[in-house]
C-alpha atoms as a PDB file:
ATOM      1  CA  MET A   1      -4.809 -18.268  11.030  1.00  0.00           C
ATOM      2  CA  PRO A   2      -3.323 -19.321  14.360  1.00  0.00           C
ATOM      3  CA  ARG A   3      -0.273 -21.483  14.785  1.00  0.00           C
ATOM      4  CA  PHE A   4      -0.472 -24.391  17.179  1.00  0.00           C
ATOM      5  CA  ASP A   5       1.127 -22.557  20.102  1.00  0.00           C
ATOM      6  CA  THR A   6      -2.044 -20.466  20.095  1.00  0.00           C
ATOM      7  CA  ALA A   7      -4.236 -23.542  19.717  1.00  0.00           C
ATOM      8  CA  ARG A   8      -2.723 -25.047  22.866  1.00  0.00           C
ATOM      9  CA  HIS A   9      -3.816 -21.987  24.818  1.00  0.00           C
ATOM     10  CA  TRP A  10      -7.256 -22.323  23.253  1.00  0.00           C
ATOM     11  CA  SER A  11      -7.607 -25.925  24.400  1.00  0.00           C
ATOM     12  CA  ARG A  12      -8.113 -24.807  28.010  1.00  0.00           C
ATOM     13  CA  LEU A  13      -8.608 -21.659  30.060  1.00  0.00           C
ATOM     14  CA  SER A  14      -4.908 -20.790  30.405  1.00  0.00           C
ATOM     15  CA  LEU A  15      -3.488 -17.627  31.925  1.00  0.00           C
ATOM     16  CA  ARG A  16      -3.107 -16.167  28.461  1.00  0.00           C
ATOM     17  CA  SER A  17      -6.684 -16.928  27.457  1.00  0.00           C
ATOM     18  CA  ALA A  18      -7.977 -15.632  30.820  1.00  0.00           C
ATOM     19  CA  LEU A  19      -6.215 -12.311  30.268  1.00  0.00           C
ATOM     20  CA  LEU A  20      -7.883 -12.032  26.872  1.00  0.00           C
ATOM     21  CA  LEU A  21     -11.406 -12.648  28.197  1.00  0.00           C
ATOM     22  CA  PRO A  22     -12.444  -8.946  28.136  1.00  0.00           C
ATOM     23  CA  LEU A  23     -11.650  -8.824  24.415  1.00  0.00           C
ATOM     24  CA  SER A  24     -13.627 -12.032  23.936  1.00  0.00           C
ATOM     25  CA  TRP A  25     -16.671 -10.491  25.615  1.00  0.00           C
ATOM     26  CA  LEU A  26     -16.385  -7.499  23.291  1.00  0.00           C
ATOM     27  CA  PHE A  27     -16.086  -9.811  20.293  1.00  0.00           C
ATOM     28  CA  LEU A  28     -19.145 -11.762  21.450  1.00  0.00           C
ATOM     29  CA  LEU A  29     -21.118  -8.520  21.720  1.00  0.00           C
ATOM     30  CA  VAL A  30     -20.167  -7.507  18.175  1.00  0.00           C
ATOM     31  CA  VAL A  31     -21.004 -10.973  16.785  1.00  0.00           C
ATOM     32  CA  THR A  32     -24.368 -11.010  18.588  1.00  0.00           C
ATOM     33  CA  LEU A  33     -25.343  -7.534  17.423  1.00  0.00           C
ATOM     34  CA  ARG A  34     -24.303  -8.302  13.856  1.00  0.00           C
ATOM     35  CA  ARG A  35     -26.325 -11.512  13.697  1.00  0.00           C
ATOM     36  CA  ARG A  36     -29.324  -9.737  15.233  1.00  0.00           C
ATOM     37  CA  ALA A  37     -29.015  -6.930  12.696  1.00  0.00           C
ATOM     38  CA  PHE A  38     -29.260  -9.410   9.820  1.00  0.00           C
ATOM     39  CA  ALA A  39     -32.108 -11.325  11.500  1.00  0.00           C
ATOM     40  CA  ARG A  40     -34.154  -8.132  11.943  1.00  0.00           C
ATOM     41  CA  GLY A  41     -33.458  -6.778   8.496  1.00  0.00           C
ATOM     42  CA  TRP A  42     -31.272  -3.874   9.598  1.00  0.00           C
ATOM     43  CA  PHE A  43     -28.544  -5.296   7.350  1.00  0.00           C
ATOM     44  CA  ALA A  44     -29.638  -6.551   3.940  1.00  0.00           C
ATOM     45  CA  THR A  45     -29.654 -10.239   3.095  1.00  0.00           C
ATOM     46  CA  HIS A  46     -29.579 -11.073  -0.613  1.00  0.00           C
ATOM     47  CA  ARG A  47     -31.079 -14.165  -2.166  1.00  0.00           C
ATOM     48  CA  VAL A  48     -29.863 -15.987  -5.261  1.00  0.00           C
ATOM     49  CA  ASP A  49     -32.381 -17.608  -7.621  1.00  0.00           C
ATOM     50  CA  VAL A  50     -31.160 -21.150  -6.839  1.00  0.00           C
ATOM     51  CA  PRO A  51     -30.750 -23.044  -3.542  1.00  0.00           C
ATOM     52  CA  VAL A  52     -27.645 -22.112  -1.546  1.00  0.00           C
ATOM     53  CA  ILE A  53     -25.830 -24.559   0.754  1.00  0.00           C
ATOM     54  CA  VAL A  54     -23.301 -22.990   3.106  1.00  0.00           C
ATOM     55  CA  ILE A  55     -20.496 -25.039   4.619  1.00  0.00           C
ATOM     56  CA  GLY A  56     -18.655 -23.552   7.567  1.00  0.00           C
ATOM     57  CA  ASN A  57     -17.784 -23.813  11.221  1.00  0.00           C
ATOM     58  CA  VAL A  58     -18.053 -21.803  14.412  1.00  0.00           C
ATOM     59  CA  SER A  59     -14.328 -22.053  15.215  1.00  0.00           C
ATOM     60  CA  VAL A  60     -11.171 -21.021  13.408  1.00  0.00           C
ATOM     61  CA  GLY A  61      -8.711 -23.512  12.016  1.00  0.00           C
ATOM     62  CA  GLY A  62      -9.015 -26.547   9.804  1.00  0.00           C
ATOM     63  CA  THR A  63     -12.008 -28.798  10.323  1.00  0.00           C
ATOM     64  CA  GLY A  64     -12.250 -30.451   6.905  1.00  0.00           C
ATOM     65  CA  LYS A  65     -14.506 -28.010   5.078  1.00  0.00           C
ATOM     66  CA  THR A  66     -12.671 -28.234   1.752  1.00  0.00           C
ATOM     67  CA  PRO A  67     -12.684 -32.077   1.516  1.00  0.00           C
ATOM     68  CA  LEU A  68     -16.376 -31.977   2.416  1.00  0.00           C
ATOM     69  CA  THR A  69     -17.055 -29.353  -0.261  1.00  0.00           C
ATOM     70  CA  ILE A  70     -15.333 -31.536  -2.859  1.00  0.00           C
ATOM     71  CA  TRP A  71     -17.319 -34.570  -1.696  1.00  0.00           C
ATOM     72  CA  LEU A  72     -20.548 -32.575  -1.810  1.00  0.00           C
ATOM     73  CA  VAL A  73     -19.956 -31.365  -5.370  1.00  0.00           C
ATOM     74  CA  HIS A  74     -19.524 -34.937  -6.601  1.00  0.00           C
ATOM     75  CA  HIS A  75     -22.502 -36.153  -4.573  1.00  0.00           C
ATOM     76  CA  LEU A  76     -24.794 -33.502  -6.044  1.00  0.00           C
ATOM     77  CA  ILE A  77     -23.600 -34.219  -9.577  1.00  0.00           C
ATOM     78  CA  GLU A  78     -24.348 -37.920  -9.077  1.00  0.00           C
ATOM     79  CA  ARG A  79     -27.877 -36.930  -8.020  1.00  0.00           C
ATOM     80  CA  GLY A  80     -28.469 -34.890 -11.181  1.00  0.00           C
ATOM     81  CA  TRP A  81     -27.666 -31.409  -9.841  1.00  0.00           C
ATOM     82  CA  HIS A  82     -25.331 -28.891 -11.470  1.00  0.00           C
ATOM     83  CA  PRO A  83     -23.498 -27.253  -8.556  1.00  0.00           C
ATOM     84  CA  GLY A  84     -21.296 -24.181  -8.498  1.00  0.00           C
ATOM     85  CA  VAL A  85     -18.970 -23.076  -5.692  1.00  0.00           C
ATOM     86  CA  VAL A  86     -18.382 -19.597  -4.294  1.00  0.00           C
ATOM     87  CA  SER A  87     -15.564 -18.792  -1.904  1.00  0.00           C
ATOM     88  CA  ARG A  88     -13.813 -15.761  -0.490  1.00  0.00           C
ATOM     89  CA  GLY A  89     -10.456 -17.017  -1.722  1.00  0.00           C
ATOM     90  CA  TYR A  90      -8.793 -16.543   1.622  1.00  0.00           C
ATOM     91  CA  GLY A  91      -5.013 -16.320   1.486  1.00  0.00           C
ATOM     92  CA  GLY A  92      -4.936 -14.925  -2.062  1.00  0.00           C
ATOM     93  CA  SER A  93      -4.289 -11.296  -2.943  1.00  0.00           C
ATOM     94  CA  ALA A  94      -7.722 -11.017  -4.596  1.00  0.00           C
ATOM     95  CA  SER A  95      -9.360 -11.521  -1.189  1.00  0.00           C
ATOM     96  CA  ASP A  96      -8.356  -7.945  -0.365  1.00  0.00           C
ATOM     97  CA  GLU A  97     -10.048  -6.498  -3.441  1.00  0.00           C
ATOM     98  CA  ARG A  98     -13.668  -5.795  -4.309  1.00  0.00           C
ATOM     99  CA  VAL A  99     -13.609  -8.146  -7.254  1.00  0.00           C
ATOM    100  CA  SER A 100     -15.156 -11.413  -8.307  1.00  0.00           C
ATOM    101  CA  GLU A 101     -13.556 -13.791 -10.734  1.00  0.00           C
ATOM    102  CA  PRO A 102     -13.616 -17.418 -11.855  1.00  0.00           C
ATOM    103  CA  VAL A 103     -11.037 -19.893 -10.624  1.00  0.00           C
ATOM    104  CA  ARG A 104      -9.507 -22.222 -13.187  1.00  0.00           C
ATOM    105  CA  VAL A 105      -7.377 -25.322 -12.831  1.00  0.00           C
ATOM    106  CA  HIS A 106      -4.274 -23.254 -13.586  1.00  0.00           C
ATOM    107  CA  SER A 107      -5.249 -20.088 -11.685  1.00  0.00           C
ATOM    108  CA  ASP A 108      -2.580 -18.556  -9.486  1.00  0.00           C
ATOM    109  CA  PRO A 109      -3.325 -19.664  -5.896  1.00  0.00           C
ATOM    110  CA  MET A 110      -1.337 -16.690  -4.616  1.00  0.00           C
ATOM    111  CA  ARG A 111      -4.068 -14.517  -6.133  1.00  0.00           C
ATOM    112  CA  VAL A 112      -7.287 -16.522  -5.815  1.00  0.00           C
ATOM    113  CA  GLY A 113      -6.442 -18.685  -2.783  1.00  0.00           C
ATOM    114  CA  ASP A 114      -5.269 -22.261  -2.396  1.00  0.00           C
ATOM    115  CA  GLU A 115      -8.600 -23.855  -1.449  1.00  0.00           C
ATOM    116  CA  PRO A 116     -10.552 -22.560  -4.499  1.00  0.00           C
ATOM    117  CA  VAL A 117      -7.797 -23.806  -6.820  1.00  0.00           C
ATOM    118  CA  LEU A 118      -7.872 -27.218  -5.152  1.00  0.00           C
ATOM    119  CA  ILE A 119     -11.665 -27.379  -5.547  1.00  0.00           C
ATOM    120  CA  ALA A 120     -11.344 -26.385  -9.215  1.00  0.00           C
ATOM    121  CA  ARG A 121      -8.751 -29.123  -9.734  1.00  0.00           C
ATOM    122  CA  ARG A 122     -10.718 -31.830  -7.960  1.00  0.00           C
ATOM    123  CA  THR A 123     -14.228 -31.113  -9.300  1.00  0.00           C
ATOM    124  CA  PRO A 124     -15.886 -30.142 -12.596  1.00  0.00           C
ATOM    125  CA  ALA A 125     -17.942 -27.430 -10.874  1.00  0.00           C
ATOM    126  CA  PRO A 126     -17.399 -23.743 -11.739  1.00  0.00           C
ATOM    127  CA  VAL A 127     -15.686 -21.928  -8.865  1.00  0.00           C
ATOM    128  CA  TRP A 128     -15.863 -18.172  -8.269  1.00  0.00           C
ATOM    129  CA  ILE A 129     -14.214 -16.092  -5.571  1.00  0.00           C
ATOM    130  CA  GLY A 130     -15.024 -12.729  -4.058  1.00  0.00           C
ATOM    131  CA  VAL A 131     -14.950 -10.887  -0.749  1.00  0.00           C
ATOM    132  CA  ASP A 132     -18.598 -10.084  -1.493  1.00  0.00           C
ATOM    133  CA  ARG A 133     -19.972 -13.578  -1.915  1.00  0.00           C
ATOM    134  CA  VAL A 134     -23.356 -12.244  -3.005  1.00  0.00           C
ATOM    135  CA  PHE A 135     -21.675 -10.548  -5.948  1.00  0.00           C
ATOM    136  CA  ALA A 136     -19.643 -13.702  -6.643  1.00  0.00           C
ATOM    137  CA  ALA A 137     -22.790 -15.859  -6.550  1.00  0.00           C
ATOM    138  CA  HIS A 138     -24.628 -13.625  -9.030  1.00  0.00           C
ATOM    139  CA  ALA A 139     -21.562 -13.485 -11.289  1.00  0.00           C
ATOM    140  CA  LEU A 140     -21.321 -17.280 -11.291  1.00  0.00           C
ATOM    141  CA  ARG A 141     -25.004 -17.607 -12.148  1.00  0.00           C
ATOM    142  CA  ARG A 142     -24.709 -15.138 -15.038  1.00  0.00           C
ATOM    143  CA  GLU A 143     -21.792 -17.049 -16.534  1.00  0.00           C
ATOM    144  CA  HIS A 144     -23.176 -20.499 -15.705  1.00  0.00           C
ATOM    145  CA  PRO A 145     -26.970 -20.434 -15.929  1.00  0.00           C
ATOM    146  CA  GLU A 146     -26.965 -24.242 -15.910  1.00  0.00           C
ATOM    147  CA  CYS A 147     -25.958 -24.227 -12.220  1.00  0.00           C
ATOM    148  CA  ASP A 148     -29.029 -25.046 -10.154  1.00  0.00           C
ATOM    149  CA  VAL A 149     -27.463 -25.108  -6.683  1.00  0.00           C
ATOM    150  CA  LEU A 150     -24.605 -23.124  -5.120  1.00  0.00           C
ATOM    151  CA  ILE A 151     -22.205 -24.168  -2.376  1.00  0.00           C
ATOM    152  CA  ALA A 152     -20.724 -21.359  -0.286  1.00  0.00           C
ATOM    153  CA  ASP A 153     -17.411 -22.660   1.056  1.00  0.00           C
ATOM    154  CA  ASP A 154     -16.661 -21.278   4.543  1.00  0.00           C
ATOM    155  CA  GLY A 155     -19.803 -19.146   4.389  1.00  0.00           C
ATOM    156  CA  LEU A 156     -21.502 -19.733   7.738  1.00  0.00           C
ATOM    157  CA  GLN A 157     -20.817 -16.201   9.003  1.00  0.00           C
ATOM    158  CA  HIS A 158     -21.394 -14.463   5.653  1.00  0.00           C
ATOM    159  CA  TYR A 159     -24.987 -13.511   6.441  1.00  0.00           C
ATOM    160  CA  ALA A 160     -25.382 -11.133   3.507  1.00  0.00           C
ATOM    161  CA  LEU A 161     -25.825 -14.242   1.331  1.00  0.00           C
ATOM    162  CA  ALA A 162     -29.172 -15.886   2.063  1.00  0.00           C
ATOM    163  CA  ARG A 163     -28.884 -19.595   2.580  1.00  0.00           C
ATOM    164  CA  ASP A 164     -31.306 -22.499   2.315  1.00  0.00           C
ATOM    165  CA  VAL A 165     -29.197 -25.201   3.989  1.00  0.00           C
ATOM    166  CA  GLU A 166     -26.507 -24.729   6.639  1.00  0.00           C
ATOM    167  CA  VAL A 167     -23.871 -27.426   7.176  1.00  0.00           C
ATOM    168  CA  ALA A 168     -21.368 -26.960  10.005  1.00  0.00           C
ATOM    169  CA  VAL A 169     -18.160 -28.970  10.309  1.00  0.00           C
ATOM    170  CA  VAL A 170     -16.275 -29.727  13.521  1.00  0.00           C
ATOM    171  CA  ASP A 171     -13.032 -31.608  14.005  1.00  0.00           C
ATOM    172  CA  ALA A 172     -13.355 -34.252  16.702  1.00  0.00           C
ATOM    173  CA  GLY A 173      -9.721 -33.796  17.714  1.00  0.00           C
ATOM    174  CA  LEU A 174     -10.021 -30.055  18.218  1.00  0.00           C
ATOM    175  CA  GLY A 175     -13.648 -29.853  19.284  1.00  0.00           C
ATOM    176  CA  PHE A 176     -14.509 -26.346  20.432  1.00  0.00           C
ATOM    177  CA  GLY A 177     -11.406 -25.886  22.576  1.00  0.00           C
ATOM    178  CA  ASN A 178     -12.124 -23.955  25.757  1.00  0.00           C
ATOM    179  CA  ARG A 179     -15.444 -22.782  24.227  1.00  0.00           C
ATOM    180  CA  ARG A 180     -14.396 -19.150  24.507  1.00  0.00           C
ATOM    181  CA  MET A 181     -14.765 -16.541  21.791  1.00  0.00           C
ATOM    182  CA  LEU A 182     -11.821 -15.028  19.935  1.00  0.00           C
ATOM    183  CA  PRO A 183      -9.161 -14.097  20.979  1.00  0.00           C
ATOM    184  CA  SER A 184      -9.449 -15.937  24.322  1.00  0.00           C
ATOM    185  CA  GLY A 185     -10.607 -19.085  22.533  1.00  0.00           C
ATOM    186  CA  PRO A 186     -11.102 -20.419  19.002  1.00  0.00           C
ATOM    187  CA  LEU A 187     -14.792 -19.566  18.511  1.00  0.00           C
ATOM    188  CA  ARG A 188     -16.080 -17.256  15.784  1.00  0.00           C
ATOM    189  CA  GLU A 189     -19.603 -17.700  17.156  1.00  0.00           C
ATOM    190  CA  PRO A 190     -20.943 -19.342  20.323  1.00  0.00           C
ATOM    191  CA  VAL A 191     -21.426 -23.113  20.213  1.00  0.00           C
ATOM    192  CA  LYS A 192     -25.172 -22.549  20.718  1.00  0.00           C
ATOM    193  CA  ARG A 193     -25.219 -21.146  17.161  1.00  0.00           C
ATOM    194  CA  LEU A 194     -25.138 -24.775  15.991  1.00  0.00           C
ATOM    195  CA  ALA A 195     -28.639 -25.317  17.355  1.00  0.00           C
ATOM    196  CA  VAL A 196     -30.078 -23.824  14.154  1.00  0.00           C
ATOM    197  CA  VAL A 197     -27.896 -25.489  11.507  1.00  0.00           C
ATOM    198  CA  ASP A 198     -29.397 -28.182   9.302  1.00  0.00           C
ATOM    199  CA  ALA A 199     -26.540 -30.654   9.759  1.00  0.00           C
ATOM    200  CA  LEU A 200     -23.324 -31.093  11.712  1.00  0.00           C
ATOM    201  CA  VAL A 201     -20.553 -33.113  10.063  1.00  0.00           C
ATOM    202  CA  VAL A 202     -18.006 -34.418  12.571  1.00  0.00           C
ATOM    203  CA  ASN A 203     -14.534 -35.064  11.182  1.00  0.00           C
ATOM    204  CA  GLY A 204     -13.135 -38.112  12.940  1.00  0.00           C
ATOM    205  CA  ALA A 205     -16.023 -39.237  15.168  1.00  0.00           C
ATOM    206  CA  PRO A 206     -19.713 -40.190  14.920  1.00  0.00           C
ATOM    207  CA  ARG A 207     -20.900 -37.392  17.232  1.00  0.00           C
ATOM    208  CA  ALA A 208     -19.797 -34.139  18.863  1.00  0.00           C
ATOM    209  CA  ASP A 209     -20.798 -32.439  22.092  1.00  0.00           C
ATOM    210  CA  ALA A 210     -22.947 -29.815  20.400  1.00  0.00           C
ATOM    211  CA  PRO A 211     -26.591 -28.636  20.559  1.00  0.00           C
ATOM    212  CA  VAL A 212     -27.481 -30.550  17.393  1.00  0.00           C
ATOM    213  CA  PRO A 213     -29.873 -33.538  17.430  1.00  0.00           C
ATOM    214  CA  GLU A 214     -28.107 -36.873  16.949  1.00  0.00           C
ATOM    215  CA  ALA A 215     -30.193 -37.470  13.834  1.00  0.00           C
ATOM    216  CA  ALA A 216     -28.588 -34.392  12.260  1.00  0.00           C
ATOM    217  CA  GLN A 217     -24.983 -35.325  13.125  1.00  0.00           C
ATOM    218  CA  PHE A 218     -22.931 -37.303  10.617  1.00  0.00           C
ATOM    219  CA  GLU A 219     -19.427 -38.747  10.650  1.00  0.00           C
ATOM    220  CA  MET A 220     -16.726 -37.921   8.119  1.00  0.00           C
ATOM    221  CA  ARG A 221     -13.300 -39.523   7.764  1.00  0.00           C
ATOM    222  CA  ILE A 222     -10.367 -38.185   5.741  1.00  0.00           C
ATOM    223  CA  VAL A 223      -8.534 -41.070   4.066  1.00  0.00           C
ATOM    224  CA  ALA A 224      -5.394 -41.217   1.936  1.00  0.00           C
ATOM    225  CA  THR A 225      -5.872 -42.447  -1.619  1.00  0.00           C
ATOM    226  CA  ARG A 226      -2.446 -42.142  -3.276  1.00  0.00           C
ATOM    227  CA  VAL A 227       0.758 -40.138  -3.483  1.00  0.00           C
ATOM    228  CA  TYR A 228       1.936 -38.410  -6.644  1.00  0.00           C
ATOM    229  CA  ARG A 229       4.958 -36.407  -7.705  1.00  0.00           C
ATOM    230  CA  LEU A 230       4.625 -32.653  -7.415  1.00  0.00           C
ATOM    231  CA  ASP A 231       6.517 -32.044 -10.664  1.00  0.00           C
ATOM    232  CA  ASP A 232       4.638 -34.762 -12.565  1.00  0.00           C
ATOM    233  CA  PRO A 233       1.212 -35.750 -11.141  1.00  0.00           C
ATOM    234  CA  THR A 234       0.965 -38.604 -13.674  1.00  0.00           C
ATOM    235  CA  VAL A 235       3.565 -40.444 -11.575  1.00  0.00           C
ATOM    236  CA  SER A 236       1.660 -41.869  -8.633  1.00  0.00           C
ATOM    237  CA  ALA A 237       1.952 -44.710  -6.165  1.00  0.00           C
ATOM    238  CA  GLU A 238       0.386 -46.204  -3.081  1.00  0.00           C
ATOM    239  CA  PRO A 239       1.202 -44.176   0.065  1.00  0.00           C
ATOM    240  CA  GLU A 240       2.780 -47.265   1.623  1.00  0.00           C
ATOM    241  CA  SER A 241       5.467 -47.207  -1.079  1.00  0.00           C
ATOM    242  CA  LEU A 242       7.146 -44.366   0.832  1.00  0.00           C
ATOM    243  CA  ARG A 243       7.718 -46.487   3.924  1.00  0.00           C
ATOM    244  CA  GLY A 244      11.329 -46.667   4.957  1.00  0.00           C
ATOM    245  CA  ILE A 245      12.163 -43.335   3.303  1.00  0.00           C
ATOM    246  CA  ARG A 246      13.091 -40.387   5.507  1.00  0.00           C
ATOM    247  CA  LEU A 247      10.479 -37.747   4.699  1.00  0.00           C
ATOM    248  CA  HIS A 248       9.988 -34.106   5.576  1.00  0.00           C
ATOM    249  CA  ALA A 249       6.255 -33.561   6.114  1.00  0.00           C
ATOM    250  CA  VAL A 250       5.250 -29.982   5.245  1.00  0.00           C
ATOM    251  CA  ALA A 251       1.790 -28.691   6.148  1.00  0.00           C
ATOM    252  CA  GLY A 252       0.476 -25.126   5.949  1.00  0.00           C
ATOM    253  CA  ILE A 253      -3.114 -25.983   6.861  1.00  0.00           C
ATOM    254  CA  GLY A 254      -5.420 -25.131   9.730  1.00  0.00           C
ATOM    255  CA  TYR A 255      -4.736 -28.349  11.646  1.00  0.00           C
ATOM    256  CA  PRO A 256      -1.292 -29.756  10.667  1.00  0.00           C
ATOM    257  CA  GLU A 257      -1.460 -32.409  13.377  1.00  0.00           C
ATOM    258  CA  ARG A 258      -4.223 -34.230  11.511  1.00  0.00           C
ATOM    259  CA  PHE A 259      -1.969 -34.496   8.441  1.00  0.00           C
ATOM    260  CA  PHE A 260       0.896 -35.778  10.577  1.00  0.00           C
ATOM    261  CA  ALA A 261      -1.397 -38.282  12.291  1.00  0.00           C
ATOM    262  CA  LEU A 262      -2.523 -39.578   8.890  1.00  0.00           C
ATOM    263  CA  LEU A 263       1.097 -40.068   7.821  1.00  0.00           C
ATOM    264  CA  THR A 264       1.815 -41.915  11.061  1.00  0.00           C
ATOM    265  CA  ALA A 265      -1.177 -44.198  10.480  1.00  0.00           C
ATOM    266  CA  LEU A 266       0.272 -45.009   7.040  1.00  0.00           C
ATOM    267  CA  GLY A 267       3.487 -46.170   8.691  1.00  0.00           C
ATOM    268  CA  LEU A 268       5.644 -43.369   7.222  1.00  0.00           C
ATOM    269  CA  THR A 269       8.753 -41.935   8.880  1.00  0.00           C
ATOM    270  CA  PHE A 270       8.981 -38.155   8.771  1.00  0.00           C
ATOM    271  CA  VAL A 271      10.094 -34.902  10.347  1.00  0.00           C
ATOM    272  CA  GLU A 272       7.253 -32.456  11.041  1.00  0.00           C
ATOM    273  CA  HIS A 273       7.339 -28.981   9.483  1.00  0.00           C
ATOM    274  CA  PRO A 274       4.110 -27.127  10.392  1.00  0.00           C
ATOM    275  CA  PHE A 275       3.448 -23.725   8.831  1.00  0.00           C
ATOM    276  CA  ALA A 276       0.668 -21.203   9.324  1.00  0.00           C
ATOM    277  CA  ASP A 277      -2.566 -21.822   7.425  1.00  0.00           C
ATOM    278  CA  HIS A 278      -2.405 -20.468   3.835  1.00  0.00           C
ATOM    279  CA  HIS A 279       1.369 -19.989   4.138  1.00  0.00           C
ATOM    280  CA  PRO A 280       2.854 -18.415   0.947  1.00  0.00           C
ATOM    281  CA  PHE A 281       5.423 -21.094   0.202  1.00  0.00           C
ATOM    282  CA  VAL A 282       8.774 -20.373  -1.431  1.00  0.00           C
ATOM    283  CA  ALA A 283      11.330 -22.857  -2.732  1.00  0.00           C
ATOM    284  CA  SER A 284      13.474 -22.686   0.410  1.00  0.00           C
ATOM    285  CA  ASP A 285      10.536 -23.998   2.485  1.00  0.00           C
ATOM    286  CA  LEU A 286      10.951 -27.360   0.722  1.00  0.00           C
ATOM    287  CA  ASP A 287      14.744 -27.414   0.708  1.00  0.00           C
ATOM    288  CA  PHE A 288      15.996 -30.160   3.013  1.00  0.00           C
ATOM    289  CA  ALA A 289      19.316 -30.993   1.380  1.00  0.00           C
ATOM    290  CA  GLY A 290      17.645 -33.068  -1.310  1.00  0.00           C
ATOM    291  CA  GLU A 291      15.732 -35.320   1.095  1.00  0.00           C
ATOM    292  CA  ALA A 292      12.196 -36.374   0.178  1.00  0.00           C
ATOM    293  CA  VAL A 293       9.280 -34.083   1.028  1.00  0.00           C
ATOM    294  CA  ILE A 294       5.590 -34.896   1.377  1.00  0.00           C
ATOM    295  CA  LEU A 295       2.921 -32.187   1.121  1.00  0.00           C
ATOM    296  CA  THR A 296      -0.810 -31.759   1.471  1.00  0.00           C
ATOM    297  CA  GLU A 297      -2.726 -31.158  -1.747  1.00  0.00           C
ATOM    298  CA  LYS A 298      -3.784 -27.728  -0.533  1.00  0.00           C
ATOM    299  CA  ASP A 299      -0.129 -26.711  -0.119  1.00  0.00           C
ATOM    300  CA  ALA A 300       0.926 -28.430  -3.329  1.00  0.00           C
ATOM    301  CA  VAL A 301      -1.065 -26.055  -5.558  1.00  0.00           C
ATOM    302  CA  LYS A 302       1.192 -23.222  -4.313  1.00  0.00           C
ATOM    303  CA  CYS A 303       4.428 -25.166  -4.825  1.00  0.00           C
ATOM    304  CA  LEU A 304       4.042 -26.351  -8.424  1.00  0.00           C
ATOM    305  CA  ARG A 305       6.421 -23.752  -9.822  1.00  0.00           C
ATOM    306  CA  PHE A 306       9.360 -25.157  -7.856  1.00  0.00           C
ATOM    307  CA  GLY A 307       8.348 -28.808  -7.615  1.00  0.00           C
ATOM    308  CA  ALA A 308      11.006 -31.493  -7.929  1.00  0.00           C
ATOM    309  CA  SER A 309      11.051 -35.251  -8.403  1.00  0.00           C
ATOM    310  CA  HIS A 310      11.619 -35.860  -4.658  1.00  0.00           C
ATOM    311  CA  HIS A 311       8.530 -33.836  -3.689  1.00  0.00           C
ATOM    312  CA  TRP A 312       5.469 -35.994  -3.086  1.00  0.00           C
ATOM    313  CA  VAL A 313       1.842 -34.998  -2.557  1.00  0.00           C
ATOM    314  CA  LEU A 314      -0.605 -36.982  -0.446  1.00  0.00           C
ATOM    315  CA  ALA A 315      -4.035 -37.107  -2.055  1.00  0.00           C
ATOM    316  CA  VAL A 316      -6.953 -37.549   0.326  1.00  0.00           C
ATOM    317  CA  GLU A 317     -10.707 -37.738   0.087  1.00  0.00           C
ATOM    318  CA  ALA A 318     -13.617 -37.438   2.468  1.00  0.00           C
ATOM    319  CA  GLN A 319     -15.625 -40.530   3.331  1.00  0.00           C
ATOM    320  CA  VAL A 320     -18.978 -39.324   4.604  1.00  0.00           C
ATOM    321  CA  ASP A 321     -21.806 -41.182   6.296  1.00  0.00           C
ATOM    322  CA  PRO A 322     -24.285 -41.988   3.475  1.00  0.00           C
ATOM    323  CA  ALA A 323     -27.080 -40.807   5.761  1.00  0.00           C
ATOM    324  CA  PHE A 324     -25.747 -37.267   5.342  1.00  0.00           C
ATOM    325  CA  GLY A 325     -26.412 -37.390   1.606  1.00  0.00           C
ATOM    326  CA  ALA A 326     -29.971 -38.575   2.181  1.00  0.00           C
ATOM    327  CA  HIS A 327     -30.497 -35.884   4.820  1.00  0.00           C
ATOM    328  CA  LEU A 328     -29.218 -33.213   2.456  1.00  0.00           C
ATOM    329  CA  GLU A 329     -31.508 -34.386  -0.325  1.00  0.00           C
ATOM    330  CA  ARG A 330     -34.498 -34.064   2.026  1.00  0.00           C
ATOM    331  CA  CYS A 331     -33.412 -30.526   2.881  1.00  0.00           C
ATOM    332  CA  LEU A 332     -33.137 -29.627  -0.810  1.00  0.00           C
ATOM    333  CA  ALA A 333     -36.520 -31.224  -1.527  1.00  0.00           C
ATOM    334  CA  ARG A 334     -38.086 -28.914   1.071  1.00  0.00           C
ATOM    335  CA  VAL A 335     -36.385 -25.934  -0.599  1.00  0.00           C
ATOM    336  CA  ARG A 336     -37.729 -26.956  -3.993  1.00  0.00           C
ATOM    337  CA  ALA A 337     -41.190 -27.400  -2.535  1.00  0.00           C
ATOM    338  CA  ARG A 338     -41.099 -23.800  -1.326  1.00  0.00           C
END
């Protein structure tokens, strides 16, 4: 994943991004041909025997997909569904292997990925990873026949897995950058791809400048709920209790600035330490001469083995427009009717 020096170039048509335009045109051609190949049946699309909801985005970087996935699992459970989650397990060593395996609360995030472990910790849903998400979906269904709906985390471009509902997420702060394709810009697919999704969830604003009807756009906010000690999660406090303490804020996520902005809004004083997304943390990354450290939950799952009493974790949750839940239920009702 890119660091923020790259993201700054992607926010406008800079000299660097202009020089990369020929590669972007080539990337666009490949993406277009690949999507067309799946649409015309040249590449096989495989269906699972339960509805599949994919959550993803058309740009790289953090947009809030994982908090939304966690919110969606709980929402579906409250509505009587029994969801399961499939993910590639990006950032873990298993993402380079042709395997599929379950993710447990105590699974090694260096193998299965940090986001799947976080989802397993925050929800009761079974979570399976695999480069081949079709294989992972079928494996999950075999082991958990009670699951009647699957959520494919970061699965928008994984066309081999047939989907019934597509949910795209965009960060209002990042938007779509300069709207250029990789590597000249941040886009995995053109923005016009959003014209066919079922819903667009906008992290941090009610609407986004995208070809999605306003009735299908929904706001999401990421809010802090508490802080807890990395070495002993049973010790927790209100985030405001850390005011007046010099903190070192460590973030190895797709959009570290959003984490830092949240800490600022809480009135905390800190030194920023951004790392690349899915950074494989070691103990020295949290060593600031004994001064207090605050982490994201996604990073915390990789730092448990060297956690100390002065390491704090900020727990957050997604607050989503209730209209999104109702919209999703209508989409699933149409799937069931078919």
